[in-house]
């Protein structure tokens, strides 16, 4: 807690009002800013793999992937999951809360494959000493992804719905009983600005900042059902 006579910086102000979640693979930054939870994604893992400190984890993941056999594609997928969990375990040593680890987005429209991949991620965490209650499995908020997440929740595998861009998803996710989901405001705004004829200035509100309040209203007023 910051003493009352001291002025809080922006991060401290946010921490006083909400829960801060780090969206990075930078362990040094997490140690410095001390978020409650953390999330990773494939692009962050790719950046992390270029750092010298992660090279032993990358080599170990490659070895484990080869040991799983199968096609080159399946071995690469296995190695990717192993690396994601390895970095997730490193993050768990820093943050007190939960770490989100993402299912391959290419499985977003395959319910059964999403379930199988989520189970493998949880098994990897638990086989290496972690508790599943400290893990959130990130799944795309497609119809198939939502159905997969409902099944996984029944197995006590906690899910974090992501890749949420539209109102239909904003309504469907809480109706399915989920309270942890992520509207991707940055990606949404980037997509809008890339459209022909779009204009952008410092005084203009981003498209996401205009739509997220409406999405929040819809989400908060939607009746949820038990998981």
Protein backbone atom coordinates (compact mmCIF):
# COMPACT_ATOMS: atom_id res chain seq x y z
CA UNK A 1 0.00 0.00 0.00
CA UNK A 2 1.15 3.54 -0.78
CA UNK A 3 1.09 5.95 2.23
CA UNK A 4 -1.71 8.49 1.95
CA UNK A 5 0.69 11.43 1.95
CA UNK A 6 2.43 10.12 -1.18
CA UNK A 7 1.10 10.61 -4.70
CA UNK A 8 0.35 7.35 -6.47
CA UNK A 9 1.66 6.79 -9.96
CA UNK A 10 -0.64 5.48 -12.69
CA UNK A 11 0.20 1.83 -12.03
CA UNK A 12 -0.51 2.22 -8.31
CA UNK A 13 -3.79 3.94 -9.11
CA UNK A 14 -4.80 1.04 -11.35
CA UNK A 15 -3.84 -1.48 -8.68
CA UNK A 16 -6.07 0.34 -6.20
CA UNK A 17 -9.10 0.02 -8.49
CA UNK A 18 -8.64 -3.23 -10.41
CA UNK A 19 -6.53 -6.32 -10.84
CA UNK A 20 -3.41 -5.82 -12.95
CA UNK A 21 -2.57 -8.60 -15.42
CA UNK A 22 0.74 -8.61 -17.28
CA UNK A 23 0.48 -9.43 -20.99
CA UNK A 24 4.15 -10.16 -21.62
CA UNK A 25 6.83 -12.79 -21.46
CA UNK A 26 9.34 -10.37 -19.92
CA UNK A 27 10.09 -11.84 -16.50
CA UNK A 28 12.19 -8.85 -15.45
CA UNK A 29 9.29 -6.47 -16.14
CA UNK A 30 6.93 -8.66 -14.12
CA UNK A 31 9.32 -8.72 -11.19
CA UNK A 32 9.56 -4.93 -11.35
CA UNK A 33 5.86 -4.08 -11.69
CA UNK A 34 4.43 -6.99 -9.65
CA UNK A 35 1.13 -7.77 -11.41
CA UNK A 36 -1.41 -10.08 -9.82
CA UNK A 37 -1.79 -12.39 -12.83
CA UNK A 38 -0.10 -12.83 -16.18
CA UNK A 39 -0.97 -14.00 -19.66
CA UNK A 40 1.09 -15.22 -22.58
CA UNK A 41 0.41 -15.77 -26.24
CA UNK A 42 2.35 -17.24 -29.19
CA UNK A 43 3.76 -13.88 -30.33
CA UNK A 44 5.11 -13.18 -26.85
CA UNK A 45 6.61 -16.66 -26.67
CA UNK A 46 8.30 -16.12 -30.03
CA UNK A 47 9.89 -12.93 -28.74
CA UNK A 48 10.93 -14.66 -25.53
CA UNK A 49 12.55 -17.50 -27.50
CA UNK A 50 15.01 -14.97 -28.96
CA UNK A 51 16.29 -14.05 -25.49
CA UNK A 52 19.37 -15.81 -24.18
CA UNK A 53 17.80 -16.62 -20.81
CA UNK A 54 15.13 -18.73 -22.53
CA UNK A 55 17.46 -20.80 -24.71
CA UNK A 56 17.67 -23.73 -22.25
CA UNK A 57 13.85 -23.84 -22.11
CA UNK A 58 13.66 -23.76 -25.91
CA UNK A 59 16.14 -26.63 -26.28
CA UNK A 60 14.30 -28.68 -23.67
CA UNK A 61 10.99 -28.07 -25.47
CA UNK A 62 12.49 -29.17 -28.79
CA UNK A 63 13.79 -32.37 -27.19
CA UNK A 64 10.42 -33.14 -25.60
CA UNK A 65 8.61 -32.48 -28.87
CA UNK A 66 10.83 -34.94 -30.72
CA UNK A 67 10.20 -37.57 -28.07
CA UNK A 68 6.43 -37.39 -28.69
CA UNK A 69 6.85 -38.77 -32.21
CA UNK A 70 4.35 -38.25 -34.99
CA UNK A 71 4.58 -35.87 -37.93
CA UNK A 72 6.87 -32.83 -37.97
CA UNK A 73 3.79 -30.64 -37.47
CA UNK A 74 2.62 -32.56 -34.40
CA UNK A 75 6.13 -32.58 -32.93
CA UNK A 76 6.40 -28.82 -33.43
CA UNK A 77 2.99 -28.32 -31.77
CA UNK A 78 4.08 -30.46 -28.82
CA UNK A 79 7.30 -28.47 -28.46
CA UNK A 80 5.33 -25.23 -28.59
CA UNK A 81 3.02 -26.37 -25.80
CA UNK A 82 5.97 -27.49 -23.70
CA UNK A 83 7.71 -24.13 -24.15
CA UNK A 84 4.51 -22.26 -23.26
CA UNK A 85 4.21 -24.24 -20.04
CA UNK A 86 7.91 -23.81 -19.24
CA UNK A 87 7.60 -20.04 -19.47
CA UNK A 88 4.29 -20.20 -17.60
CA UNK A 89 6.03 -21.99 -14.74
CA UNK A 90 8.73 -19.32 -14.66
CA UNK A 91 6.02 -16.67 -14.47
CA UNK A 92 4.27 -18.51 -11.63
CA UNK A 93 7.44 -18.03 -9.59
CA UNK A 94 6.90 -14.26 -9.87
CA UNK A 95 3.16 -13.53 -9.85
CA UNK A 96 0.98 -14.62 -6.92
CA UNK A 97 -2.08 -15.33 -9.05
CA UNK A 98 -2.82 -17.25 -12.21
CA UNK A 99 -1.08 -17.58 -15.56
CA UNK A 100 -3.05 -17.81 -18.80
CA UNK A 101 -1.67 -20.18 -21.44
CA UNK A 102 -3.19 -20.19 -24.91
CA UNK A 103 -4.48 -23.06 -27.01
CA UNK A 104 -3.30 -22.84 -30.63
CA UNK A 105 -5.67 -20.36 -32.31
CA UNK A 106 -5.73 -22.55 -35.42
CA UNK A 107 -7.94 -24.91 -33.42
CA UNK A 108 -10.53 -22.20 -32.78
CA UNK A 109 -13.24 -23.94 -34.82
CA UNK A 110 -12.47 -27.48 -33.62
CA UNK A 111 -14.12 -28.26 -30.30
CA UNK A 112 -12.55 -31.67 -29.73
CA UNK A 113 -9.04 -30.60 -30.72
CA UNK A 114 -9.29 -27.58 -28.42
CA UNK A 115 -10.31 -29.81 -25.52
CA UNK A 116 -7.47 -32.25 -26.21
CA UNK A 117 -4.90 -29.47 -26.40
CA UNK A 118 -6.15 -27.85 -23.19
CA UNK A 119 -5.92 -31.17 -21.37
CA UNK A 120 -2.35 -31.60 -22.56
CA UNK A 121 -1.40 -28.14 -21.30
CA UNK A 122 -2.89 -28.85 -17.88
CA UNK A 123 -1.17 -32.25 -17.74
CA UNK A 124 2.15 -30.59 -18.54
CA UNK A 125 1.65 -28.07 -15.74
CA UNK A 126 0.61 -30.67 -13.19
CA UNK A 127 3.32 -33.18 -14.15
CA UNK A 128 5.85 -30.45 -13.45
CA UNK A 129 4.50 -29.57 -10.03
CA UNK A 130 1.97 -26.81 -10.68
CA UNK A 131 -1.62 -26.67 -9.46
CA UNK A 132 -4.31 -26.35 -12.12
CA UNK A 133 -6.02 -23.70 -10.01
CA UNK A 134 -3.13 -21.38 -10.86
CA UNK A 135 -3.65 -21.83 -14.61
CA UNK A 136 -6.17 -20.35 -17.02
CA UNK A 137 -6.44 -21.91 -20.46
CA UNK A 138 -6.95 -19.24 -23.12
CA UNK A 139 -9.43 -20.31 -25.77
CA UNK A 140 -10.86 -18.37 -28.70
CA UNK A 141 -14.43 -17.18 -28.07
CA UNK A 142 -15.83 -18.89 -31.16
CA UNK A 143 -18.96 -21.04 -30.81
CA UNK A 144 -16.76 -24.16 -30.80
CA UNK A 145 -14.36 -22.57 -28.35
CA UNK A 146 -17.14 -21.68 -25.93
CA UNK A 147 -18.49 -25.24 -26.07
CA UNK A 148 -15.01 -26.62 -25.47
CA UNK A 149 -14.52 -24.29 -22.51
CA UNK A 150 -17.81 -25.39 -20.95
CA UNK A 151 -16.65 -29.01 -21.10
CA UNK A 152 -13.25 -28.14 -19.68
CA UNK A 153 -14.76 -26.18 -16.80
CA UNK A 154 -16.67 -29.32 -15.82
CA UNK A 155 -13.27 -31.00 -15.52
CA UNK A 156 -12.05 -28.21 -13.23
CA UNK A 157 -9.90 -26.72 -16.00
CA UNK A 158 -10.40 -22.97 -15.72
CA UNK A 159 -10.69 -21.06 -18.99
CA UNK A 160 -10.10 -17.52 -20.18
CA UNK A 161 -12.01 -16.70 -23.37
CA UNK A 162 -10.04 -14.55 -25.79
CA UNK A 163 -10.15 -13.25 -29.39
CA UNK A 164 -13.41 -11.48 -28.54
CA UNK A 165 -14.18 -8.84 -31.15
CA UNK A 166 -17.95 -8.49 -31.49
CA UNK A 167 -21.18 -8.02 -29.57
CA UNK A 168 -22.42 -11.54 -30.34
CA UNK A 169 -19.38 -12.92 -28.54
CA UNK A 170 -19.74 -10.39 -25.71
CA UNK A 171 -23.23 -11.76 -25.08
CA UNK A 172 -22.53 -15.45 -25.72
CA UNK A 173 -19.56 -15.74 -23.37
CA UNK A 174 -21.25 -14.59 -20.11
CA UNK A 175 -24.43 -16.43 -21.05
CA UNK A 176 -22.33 -19.59 -21.10
CA UNK A 177 -21.32 -18.79 -17.51
CA UNK A 178 -17.84 -17.36 -17.99
CA UNK A 179 -16.56 -14.32 -16.15
CA UNK A 180 -12.98 -14.33 -17.48
CA UNK A 181 -12.70 -13.09 -21.04
CA UNK A 182 -10.67 -10.58 -23.02
CA UNK A 183 -11.92 -8.06 -25.58
CA UNK A 184 -8.88 -7.36 -27.77
CA UNK A 185 -9.20 -3.60 -27.95
CA UNK A 186 -5.80 -2.99 -29.53
CA UNK A 187 -6.30 -5.51 -32.32
CA UNK A 188 -9.83 -4.25 -32.89
CA UNK A 189 -8.66 -0.65 -33.31
CA UNK A 190 -5.78 -1.68 -35.57
CA UNK A 191 -8.17 -3.52 -37.86
CA UNK A 192 -10.46 -0.50 -38.11
CA UNK A 193 -7.63 1.94 -38.83
CA UNK A 194 -6.41 -0.26 -41.67
CA UNK A 195 -9.70 0.07 -43.52
CA UNK A 196 -9.62 2.33 -46.61
CA UNK A 197 -10.68 5.88 -45.80
CA UNK A 198 -10.00 5.63 -42.06
CA UNK A 199 -8.58 8.72 -40.43
CA UNK A 200 -6.59 8.79 -37.26
CA UNK A 201 -5.48 11.64 -35.05
CA UNK A 202 -4.41 12.12 -31.45
CA UNK A 203 -7.73 13.75 -30.63
CA UNK A 204 -9.80 10.92 -32.08
CA UNK A 205 -11.00 8.22 -29.73
CA UNK A 206 -9.96 4.77 -30.84
CA UNK A 207 -12.72 2.57 -32.27
CA UNK A 208 -12.24 0.19 -29.37
CA UNK A 209 -12.65 2.94 -26.77
CA UNK A 210 -15.98 3.81 -28.37
CA UNK A 211 -17.29 0.26 -28.48
CA UNK A 212 -15.92 -1.27 -25.29
CA UNK A 213 -18.22 0.71 -22.96
CA UNK A 214 -21.21 -0.55 -24.95
CA UNK A 215 -19.83 -4.08 -24.80
CA UNK A 216 -19.43 -3.74 -21.04
CA UNK A 217 -23.05 -2.62 -20.66
CA UNK A 218 -24.28 -5.58 -22.68
CA UNK A 219 -22.07 -7.98 -20.75
CA UNK A 220 -23.09 -6.66 -17.33
CA UNK A 221 -26.79 -6.79 -18.19
CA UNK A 222 -26.68 -10.32 -19.59
CA UNK A 223 -28.06 -13.05 -17.38
CA UNK A 224 -25.49 -15.77 -16.83
CA UNK A 225 -26.10 -19.46 -16.36
CA UNK A 226 -24.21 -21.77 -14.00
CA UNK A 227 -21.17 -23.48 -15.43
